[in-house]
Every structure is written in C-alpha cells, then in structure tokens.
C-alpha atoms as a PDB file:
ATOM      1  CA  MET A   1     -10.741  46.235 -40.966  1.00  0.00           C
ATOM      2  CA  LEU A   2     -11.764  49.793 -42.022  1.00  0.00           C
ATOM      3  CA  LEU A   3     -14.719  47.956 -43.988  1.00  0.00           C
ATOM      4  CA  GLU A   4     -15.852  45.638 -41.188  1.00  0.00           C
ATOM      5  CA  LEU A   5     -16.159  48.563 -38.784  1.00  0.00           C
ATOM      6  CA  VAL A   6     -18.469  50.651 -41.227  1.00  0.00           C
ATOM      7  CA  ALA A   7     -20.108  47.698 -42.034  1.00  0.00           C
ATOM      8  CA  GLY A   8     -20.692  46.079 -38.446  1.00  0.00           C
ATOM      9  CA  PRO A   9     -22.824  48.173 -35.775  1.00  0.00           C
ATOM     10  CA  PHE A  10     -20.107  51.102 -35.781  1.00  0.00           C
ATOM     11  CA  GLY A  11     -20.924  52.156 -39.046  1.00  0.00           C
ATOM     12  CA  PRO A  12     -23.938  54.197 -38.247  1.00  0.00           C
ATOM     13  CA  LEU A  13     -21.971  55.927 -35.644  1.00  0.00           C
ATOM     14  CA  VAL A  14     -18.992  56.413 -37.894  1.00  0.00           C
ATOM     15  CA  VAL A  15     -21.660  58.130 -40.284  1.00  0.00           C
ATOM     16  CA  PHE A  16     -23.098  60.493 -37.844  1.00  0.00           C
ATOM     17  CA  PHE A  17     -19.963  61.751 -36.413  1.00  0.00           C
ATOM     18  CA  LEU A  18     -18.954  62.156 -40.189  1.00  0.00           C
ATOM     19  CA  ARG A  19     -21.981  63.703 -40.830  1.00  0.00           C
ATOM     20  CA  VAL A  20     -21.522  66.314 -37.519  1.00  0.00           C
ATOM     21  CA  THR A  21     -18.046  67.210 -38.907  1.00  0.00           C
ATOM     22  CA  ASP A  22     -18.842  67.819 -42.819  1.00  0.00           C
ATOM     23  CA  VAL A  23     -21.977  70.022 -42.041  1.00  0.00           C
ATOM     24  CA  SER A  24     -20.454  71.766 -39.033  1.00  0.00           C
ATOM     25  CA  LEU A  25     -17.234  72.711 -41.287  1.00  0.00           C
ATOM     26  CA  ALA A  26     -19.608  73.685 -43.876  1.00  0.00           C
ATOM     27  CA  THR A  27     -21.553  75.989 -41.629  1.00  0.00           C
ATOM     28  CA  LEU A  28     -18.476  77.636 -40.377  1.00  0.00           C
ATOM     29  CA  ARG A  29     -17.074  77.720 -44.642  1.00  0.00           C
ATOM     30  CA  MET A  30     -20.650  79.638 -45.568  1.00  0.00           C
ATOM     31  CA  LEU A  31     -20.099  82.119 -42.679  1.00  0.00           C
ATOM     32  CA  LEU A  32     -16.240  82.750 -43.502  1.00  0.00           C
ATOM     33  CA  ILE A  33     -17.414  83.197 -47.218  1.00  0.00           C
ATOM     34  CA  MET A  34     -19.782  86.140 -46.057  1.00  0.00           C
ATOM     35  CA  ARG A  35     -17.229  87.786 -43.859  1.00  0.00           C
ATOM     36  CA  ASN A  36     -14.876  87.436 -47.225  1.00  0.00           C
ATOM     37  CA  ARG A  37     -12.210  85.020 -45.849  1.00  0.00           C
ATOM     38  CA  ARG A  38     -10.874  83.944 -49.200  1.00  0.00           C
ATOM     39  CA  PHE A  39      -7.977  81.374 -47.976  1.00  0.00           C
ATOM     40  CA  PHE A  40      -9.899  79.553 -45.253  1.00  0.00           C
ATOM     41  CA  ALA A  41     -12.968  79.291 -46.601  1.00  0.00           C
ATOM     42  CA  PRO A  42     -11.889  77.340 -49.627  1.00  0.00           C
ATOM     43  CA  LEU A  43      -9.953  75.238 -47.340  1.00  0.00           C
ATOM     44  CA  ILE A  44     -12.371  74.294 -44.761  1.00  0.00           C
ATOM     45  CA  GLY A  45     -14.640  73.114 -48.069  1.00  0.00           C
ATOM     46  CA  PHE A  46     -11.633  70.924 -49.018  1.00  0.00           C
ATOM     47  CA  PHE A  47     -11.891  68.669 -45.919  1.00  0.00           C
ATOM     48  CA  GLU A  48     -15.878  69.212 -45.778  1.00  0.00           C
ATOM     49  CA  ILE A  49     -16.142  67.656 -49.293  1.00  0.00           C
ATOM     50  CA  LEU A  50     -13.180  64.753 -48.188  1.00  0.00           C
ATOM     51  CA  ILE A  51     -15.763  63.721 -45.393  1.00  0.00           C
ATOM     52  CA  TRP A  52     -19.343  64.016 -46.982  1.00  0.00           C
ATOM     53  CA  VAL A  53     -18.085  61.624 -49.979  1.00  0.00           C
ATOM     54  CA  THR A  54     -16.627  59.072 -47.358  1.00  0.00           C
ATOM     55  CA  ALA A  55     -19.736  59.598 -45.244  1.00  0.00           C
ATOM     56  CA  VAL A  56     -22.070  59.294 -48.534  1.00  0.00           C
ATOM     57  CA  GLY A  57     -19.949  56.326 -49.671  1.00  0.00           C
ATOM     58  CA  ILE A  58     -20.287  54.263 -46.880  1.00  0.00           C
ATOM     59  CA  VAL A  59     -24.472  54.977 -46.556  1.00  0.00           C
ATOM     60  CA  ILE A  60     -24.790  54.575 -50.507  1.00  0.00           C
ATOM     61  CA  GLN A  61     -22.922  50.854 -49.942  1.00  0.00           C
ATOM     62  CA  HIS A  62     -24.920  50.021 -46.967  1.00  0.00           C
ATOM     63  CA  LEU A  63     -28.385  51.222 -48.373  1.00  0.00           C
ATOM     64  CA  ASP A  64     -29.763  48.228 -46.842  1.00  0.00           C
ATOM     65  CA  SER A  65     -28.641  49.115 -43.416  1.00  0.00           C
ATOM     66  CA  PRO A  66     -32.047  51.937 -41.887  1.00  0.00           C
ATOM     67  CA  LEU A  67     -29.513  52.465 -39.180  1.00  0.00           C
ATOM     68  CA  HIS A  68     -27.151  54.067 -41.638  1.00  0.00           C
ATOM     69  CA  VAL A  69     -29.524  55.701 -43.142  1.00  0.00           C
ATOM     70  CA  ILE A  70     -30.747  57.332 -39.884  1.00  0.00           C
ATOM     71  CA  GLY A  71     -27.201  58.069 -38.425  1.00  0.00           C
ATOM     72  CA  TYR A  72     -26.806  59.710 -42.015  1.00  0.00           C
ATOM     73  CA  ALA A  73     -29.805  62.229 -41.459  1.00  0.00           C
ATOM     74  CA  ALA A  74     -29.121  62.504 -37.323  1.00  0.00           C
ATOM     75  CA  GLY A  75     -25.377  63.754 -38.141  1.00  0.00           C
ATOM     76  CA  PHE A  76     -27.020  66.473 -40.566  1.00  0.00           C
ATOM     77  CA  ALA A  77     -29.067  67.691 -37.912  1.00  0.00           C
ATOM     78  CA  THR A  78     -26.762  67.653 -35.239  1.00  0.00           C
ATOM     79  CA  GLY A  79     -24.034  69.121 -37.225  1.00  0.00           C
ATOM     80  CA  ASN A  80     -26.575  72.050 -37.603  1.00  0.00           C
ATOM     81  CA  PHE A  81     -26.379  72.324 -34.314  1.00  0.00           C
ATOM     82  CA  VAL A  82     -22.984  71.522 -33.647  1.00  0.00           C
ATOM     83  CA  GLY A  83     -22.007  73.850 -36.732  1.00  0.00           C
ATOM     84  CA  LEU A  84     -24.233  77.690 -35.071  1.00  0.00           C
ATOM     85  CA  MET A  85     -22.730  76.800 -31.504  1.00  0.00           C
ATOM     86  CA  ILE A  86     -19.022  77.044 -33.143  1.00  0.00           C
ATOM     87  CA  GLU A  87     -20.051  79.710 -35.129  1.00  0.00           C
ATOM     88  CA  GLU A  88     -21.617  81.213 -31.889  1.00  0.00           C
ATOM     89  CA  ARG A  89     -18.957  80.558 -29.491  1.00  0.00           C
ATOM     90  CA  LEU A  90     -16.120  81.925 -32.478  1.00  0.00           C
ATOM     91  CA  ALA A  91     -17.983  85.207 -32.838  1.00  0.00           C
ATOM     92  CA  LEU A  92     -16.469  86.059 -35.623  1.00  0.00           C
ATOM     93  CA  GLY A  93     -16.869  89.294 -37.539  1.00  0.00           C
ATOM     94  CA  LEU A  94     -18.157  92.875 -36.304  1.00  0.00           C
ATOM     95  CA  ALA A  95     -21.628  94.338 -34.963  1.00  0.00           C
ATOM     96  CA  THR A  96     -23.371  97.592 -34.805  1.00  0.00           C
ATOM     97  CA  ILE A  97     -25.526  98.399 -32.310  1.00  0.00           C
ATOM     98  CA  ARG A  98     -27.795 100.939 -32.902  1.00  0.00           C
ATOM     99  CA  THR A  99     -29.617 102.524 -29.128  1.00  0.00           C
ATOM    100  CA  VAL A 100     -32.453 104.711 -29.372  1.00  0.00           C
ATOM    101  CA  VAL A 101     -33.178 106.692 -26.006  1.00  0.00           C
ATOM    102  CA  LYS A 102     -35.967 109.467 -25.211  1.00  0.00           C
ATOM    103  CA  THR A 103     -33.600 110.996 -22.798  1.00  0.00           C
ATOM    104  CA  GLY A 104     -29.640 110.842 -21.423  1.00  0.00           C
ATOM    105  CA  GLY A 105     -28.401 109.565 -24.651  1.00  0.00           C
ATOM    106  CA  SER A 106     -24.865 111.619 -23.549  1.00  0.00           C
ATOM    107  CA  GLU A 107     -24.832 109.727 -20.158  1.00  0.00           C
ATOM    108  CA  LEU A 108     -25.080 106.568 -21.722  1.00  0.00           C
ATOM    109  CA  ALA A 109     -22.779 107.241 -24.421  1.00  0.00           C
ATOM    110  CA  LEU A 110     -20.077 108.654 -22.111  1.00  0.00           C
ATOM    111  CA  GLY A 111     -20.326 105.340 -19.961  1.00  0.00           C
ATOM    112  CA  LEU A 112     -20.235 103.303 -23.050  1.00  0.00           C
ATOM    113  CA  ARG A 113     -16.774 105.216 -24.176  1.00  0.00           C
ATOM    114  CA  GLU A 114     -15.662 104.329 -21.102  1.00  0.00           C
ATOM    115  CA  ALA A 115     -15.512 100.540 -21.225  1.00  0.00           C
ATOM    116  CA  GLY A 116     -13.998 100.847 -24.681  1.00  0.00           C
ATOM    117  CA  PHE A 117     -16.773 101.393 -26.947  1.00  0.00           C
ATOM    118  CA  GLY A 118     -16.533 103.513 -29.929  1.00  0.00           C
ATOM    119  CA  VAL A 119     -20.215 105.821 -30.393  1.00  0.00           C
ATOM    120  CA  THR A 120     -21.151 108.267 -32.320  1.00  0.00           C
ATOM    121  CA  GLU A 121     -24.414 110.636 -30.992  1.00  0.00           C
ATOM    122  CA  MET A 122     -27.376 111.590 -32.643  1.00  0.00           C
ATOM    123  CA  LEU A 123     -30.302 113.486 -32.610  1.00  0.00           C
ATOM    124  CA  GLY A 124     -33.654 112.095 -33.983  1.00  0.00           C
ATOM    125  CA  ARG A 125     -37.029 112.499 -34.666  1.00  0.00           C
ATOM    126  CA  GLY A 126     -39.537 109.499 -33.515  1.00  0.00           C
ATOM    127  CA  ARG A 127     -42.896 109.047 -32.929  1.00  0.00           C
ATOM    128  CA  ASP A 128     -43.236 110.934 -30.156  1.00  0.00           C
ATOM    129  CA  GLY A 129     -41.100 113.616 -30.519  1.00  0.00           C
ATOM    130  CA  THR A 130     -37.137 114.200 -30.362  1.00  0.00           C
ATOM    131  CA  VAL A 131     -34.782 111.297 -29.318  1.00  0.00           C
ATOM    132  CA  GLU A 132     -30.747 110.179 -29.013  1.00  0.00           C
ATOM    133  CA  VAL A 133     -29.005 108.108 -31.526  1.00  0.00           C
ATOM    134  CA  LEU A 134     -26.292 106.132 -30.705  1.00  0.00           C
ATOM    135  CA  TYR A 135     -24.331 104.026 -33.424  1.00  0.00           C
ATOM    136  CA  SER A 136     -21.661 101.258 -32.560  1.00  0.00           C
ATOM    137  CA  VAL A 137     -19.414  99.186 -34.583  1.00  0.00           C
ATOM    138  CA  LEU A 138     -17.562  96.815 -32.205  1.00  0.00           C
ATOM    139  CA  PRO A 139     -16.542  93.335 -32.725  1.00  0.00           C
ATOM    140  CA  ARG A 140     -19.062  90.536 -31.773  1.00  0.00           C
ATOM    141  CA  ARG A 141     -16.893  89.247 -29.182  1.00  0.00           C
ATOM    142  CA  GLN A 142     -18.015  92.824 -27.399  1.00  0.00           C
ATOM    143  CA  VAL A 143     -21.924  92.688 -28.138  1.00  0.00           C
ATOM    144  CA  GLY A 144     -23.050  91.084 -24.660  1.00  0.00           C
ATOM    145  CA  ARG A 145     -21.287  93.039 -22.814  1.00  0.00           C
ATOM    146  CA  ALA A 146     -22.462  96.567 -24.262  1.00  0.00           C
ATOM    147  CA  LEU A 147     -25.809  95.035 -24.290  1.00  0.00           C
ATOM    148  CA  GLY A 148     -25.195  95.023 -20.711  1.00  0.00           C
ATOM    149  CA  LEU A 149     -24.190  98.278 -20.328  1.00  0.00           C
ATOM    150  CA  ILE A 150     -27.436  99.686 -22.204  1.00  0.00           C
ATOM    151  CA  ASN A 151     -29.441  97.777 -20.917  1.00  0.00           C
ATOM    152  CA  SER A 152     -28.650  98.571 -17.145  1.00  0.00           C
ATOM    153  CA  GLY A 153     -27.995 102.509 -18.562  1.00  0.00           C
ATOM    154  CA  ALA A 154     -30.928 103.033 -20.756  1.00  0.00           C
ATOM    155  CA  PRO A 155     -33.721  99.796 -20.182  1.00  0.00           C
ATOM    156  CA  GLU A 156     -36.276 101.142 -21.844  1.00  0.00           C
ATOM    157  CA  SER A 157     -33.943 102.176 -25.153  1.00  0.00           C
ATOM    158  CA  PHE A 158     -34.851 100.484 -28.699  1.00  0.00           C
ATOM    159  CA  VAL A 159     -31.878  98.663 -30.220  1.00  0.00           C
ATOM    160  CA  VAL A 160     -31.314  97.309 -32.756  1.00  0.00           C
ATOM    161  CA  VAL A 161     -28.047  95.118 -33.238  1.00  0.00           C
ATOM    162  CA  ASP A 162     -26.886  94.283 -36.818  1.00  0.00           C
ATOM    163  CA  GLU A 163     -24.102  92.516 -38.970  1.00  0.00           C
ATOM    164  CA  PRO A 164     -22.228  95.209 -41.104  1.00  0.00           C
ATOM    165  CA  ARG A 165     -20.914  93.621 -44.550  1.00  0.00           C
ATOM    166  CA  ARG A 166     -17.902  96.002 -44.990  1.00  0.00           C
ATOM    167  CA  VAL A 167     -16.403  98.644 -42.424  1.00  0.00           C
ATOM    168  CA  GLN A 168     -13.556 101.061 -43.607  1.00  0.00           C
ATOM    169  CA  ARG A 169     -11.436 103.384 -41.560  1.00  0.00           C
ATOM    170  CA  GLY A 170     -12.787 104.375 -37.911  1.00  0.00           C
ATOM    171  CA  TRP A 171     -11.492 104.303 -34.648  1.00  0.00           C
ATOM    172  CA  LEU A 172     -12.041 100.333 -34.961  1.00  0.00           C
ATOM    173  CA  PHE A 173      -9.533 100.560 -38.278  1.00  0.00           C
ATOM    174  CA  PRO A 174      -7.824 104.144 -38.590  1.00  0.00           C
ATOM    175  CA  ALA A 175      -6.529 105.197 -42.018  1.00  0.00           C
ATOM    176  CA  LYS A 176      -2.750 103.291 -42.995  1.00  0.00           C
ATOM    177  CA  LYS A 177       0.261 106.324 -43.091  1.00  0.00           C
ATOM    178  CA  LYS A 178       1.626 106.021 -46.130  1.00  0.00           C
END
C-alpha cells in the first residue's frame, strides 16, 4: 500500500511534504544549537534524519521520475521558508537593543522602564558630539514592542538589535541565592 502510494502520482507530494518537514526541523535544530539547547537539538535531529532518509530513499527508488526529484527540490526550498517562519514565530532567546539618541535619552529610558524593560544609560561621543546610549537585554518576543516605543519616543535615534550568545545575571536573571 505505502509503496504504491509513493510510486504513484502522490509520491512527489509525499516527498515534498517530507522534505518540508525535515528541512524545517533542521532549521529549528540549528537555532537550538546556537542557543545551547542541549536536549532538544539532538532529539529534533533524530526525527529530522529519520524523515530525510525516508524522503531520499523514495527519490532514489524513483530517479526515473522527474516529478519525484522536483518534489524533493521544491520541498527543500519550501522547508527553508517554513523553518524560518516557525523560528520567527517562536522567537527563541534574547535580544540586545542599543539605542543612540542625541537628546531625550533619559525620558526614553524612563518610558521603556515603565513598559517593563530594563535599560542601562550611558553617555557617549558620536560624530557630531555627545549622545546618550541606551542598552537593553530582553526576550526576542518583546523586540517589536520595544522598537515601537523607541520609534515613537525617539524617531531619529540610531538603533542596533543583536542576539547575545550568553547572558549572566542582571534584572532578567538575578543571581541565585546560596
């Protein structure tokens, strides 16, 4: 029954969906590795390769069918897109936002704090003189909201958003009591 399904007209679709799934899992696995998630990355990798071997096996058995090969390639391309969409929705990890403003940094920092964000204020020197630098570490899910506040409070500011590799302590992660 299964062999007939993958050999028939639905075979390329089966291969396509297998590839979408395994490539999406590969994208997620790589992101988890970058975030040092030691348990979930290998677990996802197990299922990713199981699905990949199945898809490759079907295509190799039907190399005479261009539709199977096209299903494989199209599934790979679509899987990259879907994997990135899933990652964007999950928004795993943390982000840092550095905001450089010429004036009004203290007021912007206060507004960000009132919205629940931690902010460190520093003075700096830019090309045209003294600037105020605001530095925040926050969950990636909150980046859009923070940028909205920054854009409304200081629309001319220079903003950089990065992903930190590691964060220790601070208001998000207070030191554990002994």
